Amino acid sequence: MRLTEVKLGRTGGRSSNNRTAVRTIAVTSGKGGVGKTNIAMNLAVALAKAGHRTLLLDADLGMANIDELLGLNASVNLLDVLEGNCRLEDILIEGPEGLLIVPAASGNQYLSELGALECGGLVHAFSELKGRIDSLIIDTASGVSESVTSFCRASSQVLVVTDSEPASIRDCVAQIRHLNKTNAIAHFHVLANMVLTARDGTELFKRILELLGDDQDIVLSYAGFVPRDDLLRKAVSRRKAVICASPQSGSSVAINNLARRVLRWRRPDVPHGQLEFFVERILQQNHVEREVLS
């Protein structure tokens, strides 16, 4: 059994790659404080730097801060789109390496309490975007709120970030189980963040496998590790992506390795090549929920 991909129980297969489809990755975590947002942000920058047209959606609704982490000033955000004051394309801001960012509003209770139907209305705005998008990176909130599950369910891949703290591992396992049982998500990529060595990363992944047991309908893939790095912390204080501020640092090398792995992940099998598939999947799940409630 290969460590990079471990099958727990039975799961259905997926069909072949569709190279014209946009790659959508929900970056999430069981608890806060594990470096999820920095991973999402730097991964998006790394993909953009590699020449891939990348859109970063700040979907940590109510606690959004990606624009601030990059030293950018967003005069309008997702709340303005939801209130009908502007279109999605009006709030896009350009970050490092040509990365496009969709900012959200920090500390807004309305955004933080959006349910699945509201998230469907939110992502419907993506149909307004013009131009080619290769990758959509979604920085979700932590935990198992409706917005987290909605974005994870609508994405083609889910990247779960955790560190080696016992509470983080426990919440990581709980989130994977929840997303699998309640949303039928079968495949998860696990990233070990802020570990000391590569061996610590693989040991962390093995620990998660042990806690999940062998009776879950889950496929886990090891996405690698990002080492604890003072240069990343310094980049945060300078309001820069570590990929740009310290490209030779240990964390930058690891994130570039992650980006190369991401580009090898299977693309979704959808009829369209742009962001329409993400809107369609959200709307499909909302239709199912309406049928259940009626």
Protein backbone atom coordinates (compact mmCIF):
# COMPACT_ATOMS: atom_id res chain seq x y z
CA MET A 1 0.00 0.00 0.00
CA ARG A 2 1.47 3.32 -1.06
CA LEU A 3 1.62 6.04 1.57
CA THR A 4 0.73 8.75 -0.93
CA GLU A 5 -2.72 7.28 -1.55
CA VAL A 6 -4.48 5.08 0.95
CA LYS A 7 -7.95 3.70 0.41
CA LEU A 8 -10.16 3.15 3.43
CA GLY A 9 -13.19 0.99 2.66
CA ARG A 10 -14.94 1.18 -0.71
CA THR A 11 -15.27 4.22 -2.91
CA GLY A 12 -16.44 4.85 -6.42
CA GLY A 13 -14.07 5.67 -9.24
CA ARG A 14 -13.89 8.86 -11.26
CA SER A 15 -13.68 9.10 -15.00
CA SER A 16 -10.72 10.28 -17.01
CA ASN A 17 -9.11 13.71 -16.99
CA ASN A 18 -10.63 16.64 -18.79
CA ARG A 19 -7.81 19.05 -19.50
CA THR A 20 -10.15 21.89 -20.47
CA ALA A 21 -11.85 22.07 -17.07
CA VAL A 22 -10.87 24.52 -14.37
CA ARG A 23 -9.13 23.00 -11.36
CA THR A 24 -10.95 23.97 -8.15
CA ILE A 25 -9.40 23.28 -4.75
CA ALA A 26 -11.04 23.98 -1.41
CA VAL A 27 -8.37 24.57 1.23
CA THR A 28 -9.83 23.86 4.65
CA SER A 29 -8.94 22.74 8.18
CA GLY A 30 -10.61 21.19 11.19
CA LYS A 31 -9.60 24.08 13.45
CA GLY A 32 -8.11 27.53 13.19
CA GLY A 33 -4.49 28.40 13.80
CA VAL A 34 -2.95 25.69 11.60
CA GLY A 35 -1.82 28.07 8.82
CA LYS A 36 -4.62 27.28 6.37
CA THR A 37 -4.93 30.77 4.91
CA ASN A 38 -1.18 31.13 4.39
CA ILE A 39 -1.15 27.80 2.56
CA ALA A 40 -4.08 28.79 0.34
CA MET A 41 -2.58 32.20 -0.41
CA ASN A 42 0.95 30.97 -1.16
CA LEU A 43 -0.28 27.99 -3.18
CA ALA A 44 -2.33 30.37 -5.34
CA VAL A 45 0.68 32.65 -5.82
CA ALA A 46 2.87 29.66 -6.70
CA LEU A 47 0.39 28.50 -9.35
CA ALA A 48 0.17 32.01 -10.80
CA LYS A 49 3.95 32.27 -10.81
CA ALA A 50 4.10 29.02 -12.78
CA GLY A 51 2.02 30.65 -15.51
CA HIS A 52 -1.42 29.36 -14.56
CA ARG A 53 -4.29 31.84 -14.56
CA THR A 54 -5.35 31.55 -10.92
CA LEU A 55 -8.25 32.99 -8.94
CA LEU A 56 -8.14 33.01 -5.12
CA LEU A 57 -11.53 33.19 -3.40
CA ASP A 58 -11.42 34.37 0.20
CA ALA A 59 -14.31 32.19 1.43
CA ASP A 60 -13.46 32.37 5.12
CA LEU A 61 -16.66 34.37 5.29
CA GLY A 62 -16.77 36.84 8.14
CA MET A 63 -13.08 36.40 9.01
CA ALA A 64 -11.61 37.33 5.65
CA ASN A 65 -8.08 38.73 5.59
CA ILE A 66 -6.24 37.61 2.45
CA ASP A 67 -6.16 41.11 0.96
CA GLU A 68 -4.70 42.43 4.22
CA LEU A 69 -2.11 39.64 4.37
CA LEU A 70 -0.89 40.72 0.94
CA GLY A 71 -0.92 44.44 1.72
CA LEU A 72 -3.77 45.13 -0.71
CA ASN A 73 -6.63 47.56 -0.23
CA ALA A 74 -10.05 46.26 -1.23
CA SER A 75 -12.60 49.06 -1.44
CA VAL A 76 -15.43 46.63 -2.29
CA ASN A 77 -15.88 42.94 -1.52
CA LEU A 78 -18.24 39.96 -1.70
CA LEU A 79 -20.77 41.65 0.55
CA ASP A 80 -21.19 44.37 -2.09
CA VAL A 81 -21.86 41.68 -4.70
CA LEU A 82 -24.44 39.95 -2.48
CA GLU A 83 -26.19 43.25 -1.84
CA GLY A 84 -26.37 43.89 -5.57
CA ASN A 85 -24.17 46.98 -5.52
CA CYS A 86 -21.67 45.63 -8.05
CA ARG A 87 -20.70 42.59 -10.08
CA LEU A 88 -18.09 40.04 -9.14
CA GLU A 89 -15.68 41.30 -11.77
CA ASP A 90 -15.84 44.76 -10.16
CA ILE A 91 -14.33 43.56 -6.88
CA LEU A 92 -11.44 41.51 -8.28
CA ILE A 93 -8.03 42.77 -7.18
CA GLU A 94 -4.68 41.75 -8.63
CA GLY A 95 -2.11 40.26 -6.31
CA PRO A 96 1.46 38.98 -6.77
CA GLU A 97 2.38 37.33 -10.06
CA GLY A 98 -0.94 38.36 -11.63
CA LEU A 99 -3.01 36.37 -9.13
CA LEU A 100 -6.67 37.45 -9.09
CA ILE A 101 -8.30 37.72 -5.65
CA VAL A 102 -11.95 37.80 -4.63
CA PRO A 103 -11.99 39.59 -1.25
CA ALA A 104 -14.61 39.08 1.43
CA ALA A 105 -15.61 41.28 4.37
CA SER A 106 -13.92 40.69 7.71
CA GLY A 107 -16.01 40.55 10.87
CA ASN A 108 -19.35 40.57 9.05
CA GLN A 109 -21.93 38.39 10.81
CA TYR A 110 -24.17 38.10 7.76
CA LEU A 111 -21.38 36.59 5.66
CA SER A 112 -20.25 34.26 8.45
CA GLU A 113 -23.76 32.80 8.77
CA LEU A 114 -24.46 32.11 5.09
CA GLY A 115 -26.15 28.76 4.48
CA ALA A 116 -25.96 26.47 1.47
CA LEU A 117 -28.62 28.33 -0.51
CA GLU A 118 -26.93 31.69 0.11
CA CYS A 119 -23.58 30.23 -0.93
CA GLY A 120 -25.26 29.08 -4.11
CA GLY A 121 -26.35 32.62 -4.85
CA LEU A 122 -22.86 33.86 -4.07
CA VAL A 123 -21.01 31.53 -6.42
CA HIS A 124 -23.63 32.10 -9.13
CA ALA A 125 -21.89 35.44 -9.61
CA PHE A 126 -18.89 33.53 -11.01
CA SER A 127 -20.83 33.03 -14.22
CA GLU A 128 -20.29 36.73 -14.90
CA LEU A 129 -16.53 36.36 -15.14
CA LYS A 130 -14.93 36.54 -18.55
CA GLY A 131 -11.63 35.09 -19.66
CA ARG A 132 -9.75 31.89 -19.02
CA ILE A 133 -9.24 30.60 -15.48
CA ASP A 134 -7.01 27.56 -14.96
CA SER A 135 -7.26 27.19 -11.19
CA LEU A 136 -9.65 28.40 -8.50
CA ILE A 137 -8.29 28.20 -4.94
CA ILE A 138 -10.91 28.59 -2.21
CA ASP A 139 -9.80 29.51 1.30
CA THR A 140 -12.73 28.20 3.34
CA ALA A 141 -13.38 28.78 7.01
CA SER A 142 -12.29 26.13 9.52
CA GLY A 143 -14.61 23.49 10.92
CA VAL A 144 -17.89 22.13 9.56
CA SER A 145 -20.17 25.13 9.01
CA GLU A 146 -22.62 25.16 6.10
CA SER A 147 -20.41 27.44 4.05
CA VAL A 148 -17.41 25.13 4.53
CA THR A 149 -19.33 22.04 3.48
CA SER A 150 -20.90 23.87 0.52
CA PHE A 151 -17.59 25.03 -0.89
CA CYS A 152 -15.90 21.66 -0.28
CA ARG A 153 -18.76 19.78 -1.91
CA ALA A 154 -18.71 22.04 -4.98
CA SER A 155 -14.94 21.77 -5.46
CA SER A 156 -13.15 19.14 -7.48
CA GLN A 157 -10.48 18.62 -4.78
CA VAL A 158 -10.34 19.18 -1.01
CA LEU A 159 -7.02 19.99 0.67
CA VAL A 160 -7.14 19.60 4.46
CA VAL A 161 -4.39 21.44 6.34
CA THR A 162 -3.33 20.35 9.82
CA ASP A 163 -0.38 20.65 12.16
CA SER A 164 0.93 18.15 14.70
CA GLU A 165 -0.97 19.48 17.73
CA PRO A 166 -3.28 16.78 19.16
CA ALA A 167 -6.31 19.08 18.97
CA SER A 168 -5.56 19.87 15.32
CA ILE A 169 -5.26 16.18 14.44
CA ARG A 170 -8.49 15.38 16.28
CA ASP A 171 -10.40 18.15 14.51
CA CYS A 172 -8.87 17.22 11.15
CA VAL A 173 -10.18 13.66 11.52
CA ALA A 174 -13.58 14.93 12.68
CA GLN A 175 -13.89 17.27 9.69
CA ILE A 176 -12.97 14.52 7.21
CA ARG A 177 -15.51 12.17 8.74
CA HIS A 178 -18.20 14.86 8.70
CA LEU A 179 -17.60 15.83 5.07
CA ASN A 180 -17.60 12.16 4.06
CA LYS A 181 -20.73 11.11 5.95
CA THR A 182 -22.90 14.16 5.36
CA ASN A 183 -21.69 15.28 1.93
CA ALA A 184 -20.40 12.06 0.31
CA ILE A 185 -16.95 13.55 -0.26
CA ALA A 186 -14.64 10.54 -0.63
CA HIS A 187 -11.22 11.90 -1.58
CA PHE A 188 -9.14 14.22 0.62
CA HIS A 189 -5.58 15.51 0.29
CA VAL A 190 -3.87 16.05 3.65
CA LEU A 191 -1.07 18.59 4.11
CA ALA A 192 1.13 18.49 7.20
CA ASN A 193 1.93 22.11 8.06
CA MET A 194 4.50 23.62 10.42
CA VAL A 195 6.30 20.32 11.08
CA LEU A 196 10.02 20.08 11.80
CA THR A 197 11.05 17.41 9.28
CA ALA A 198 9.72 15.44 6.32
CA ARG A 199 9.55 12.37 8.55
CA ASP A 200 7.36 14.29 11.02
CA GLY A 201 5.01 15.02 8.14
CA THR A 202 4.63 11.39 7.12
CA GLU A 203 4.22 10.33 10.77
CA LEU A 204 1.45 12.91 11.14
CA PHE A 205 -0.29 11.50 8.08
CA LYS A 206 0.03 7.95 9.42
CA ARG A 207 -1.52 9.09 12.69
CA ILE A 208 -4.55 10.45 10.83
CA LEU A 209 -4.92 7.14 9.01
CA GLU A 210 -4.84 5.27 12.30
CA LEU A 211 -7.54 7.47 13.80
CA LEU A 212 -9.79 7.10 10.78
CA GLY A 213 -9.55 3.31 10.91
CA ASP A 214 -10.35 0.98 8.02
CA ASP A 215 -14.13 1.17 7.90
CA GLN A 216 -14.56 4.59 6.29
CA ASP A 217 -15.48 5.17 2.65
CA ILE A 218 -12.54 7.54 2.30
CA VAL A 219 -9.49 7.92 0.07
CA LEU A 220 -6.64 9.91 1.63
CA SER A 221 -3.70 11.25 -0.33
CA TYR A 222 -0.62 12.74 1.31
CA ALA A 223 -0.08 16.19 -0.17
CA GLY A 224 3.31 16.62 1.51
CA PHE A 225 4.54 18.90 4.27
CA VAL A 226 5.49 22.52 4.87
CA PRO A 227 8.17 23.04 7.55
CA ARG A 228 7.95 25.48 10.40
CA ASP A 229 9.74 28.53 9.03
CA ASP A 230 10.58 31.86 10.67
CA LEU A 231 10.86 33.42 7.21
CA LEU A 232 7.18 32.71 6.60
CA ARG A 233 6.32 34.46 9.85
CA LYS A 234 8.47 37.43 8.81
CA ALA A 235 6.76 37.53 5.41
CA VAL A 236 3.38 37.73 7.16
CA SER A 237 4.58 40.69 9.23
CA ARG A 238 5.74 42.36 6.00
CA ARG A 239 2.34 41.63 4.39
CA LYS A 240 3.88 39.54 1.62
CA ALA A 241 3.60 35.99 0.36
CA VAL A 242 6.66 34.02 1.46
CA ILE A 243 6.87 32.68 -2.10
CA CYS A 244 7.78 36.23 -3.16
CA ALA A 245 9.53 37.54 -0.04
CA SER A 246 11.84 34.53 0.51
CA PRO A 247 11.66 32.26 -2.55
CA GLN A 248 14.55 30.06 -1.35
CA SER A 249 13.15 29.47 2.13
CA GLY A 250 12.12 26.02 3.30
CA SER A 251 8.43 26.90 3.28
CA SER A 252 8.63 28.38 -0.25
CA VAL A 253 10.36 25.27 -1.60
CA ALA A 254 7.72 23.07 0.04
CA ILE A 255 4.83 25.16 -1.30
CA ASN A 256 6.29 25.09 -4.81
CA ASN A 257 6.49 21.30 -4.47
CA LEU A 258 2.83 21.31 -3.41
CA ALA A 259 1.93 23.39 -6.47
CA ARG A 260 3.64 20.87 -8.75
CA ARG A 261 1.65 18.06 -7.12
CA VAL A 262 -1.57 20.02 -7.47
CA LEU A 263 -0.98 20.38 -11.21
CA ARG A 264 -0.88 16.58 -11.44
CA TRP A 265 -4.20 16.11 -9.61
CA ARG A 266 -7.11 14.91 -11.69
CA ARG A 267 -9.18 17.64 -13.25
CA PRO A 268 -12.99 17.52 -12.90
CA ASP A 269 -15.10 15.86 -15.58
CA VAL A 270 -17.46 18.63 -16.64
CA PRO A 271 -18.97 19.85 -19.91
CA HIS A 272 -17.49 23.37 -19.69
CA GLY A 273 -13.97 24.68 -19.42
CA GLN A 274 -14.45 27.73 -17.27
CA LEU A 275 -16.02 28.41 -13.86
CA GLU A 276 -19.54 27.39 -14.88
CA PHE A 277 -19.03 23.89 -13.45
CA PHE A 278 -18.53 25.32 -9.96
CA VAL A 279 -21.78 27.27 -10.21
CA GLU A 280 -23.57 24.21 -11.58
CA ARG A 281 -22.43 21.97 -8.75
CA ILE A 282 -23.57 24.47 -6.10
CA LEU A 283 -26.93 24.90 -7.82
CA GLN A 284 -27.35 21.13 -8.15
CA GLN A 285 -26.76 20.58 -4.44
CA ASN A 286 -29.17 23.40 -3.60
CA HIS A 287 -31.82 21.77 -5.81
CA VAL A 288 -31.37 18.48 -3.96
CA GLU A 289 -31.70 20.28 -0.61
CA ARG A 290 -34.90 21.97 -1.74
CA GLU A 291 -36.33 18.57 -2.78
CA VAL A 292 -35.47 17.12 0.63
CA LEU A 293 -37.08 20.04 2.47
CA SER A 294 -40.25 20.07 0.35
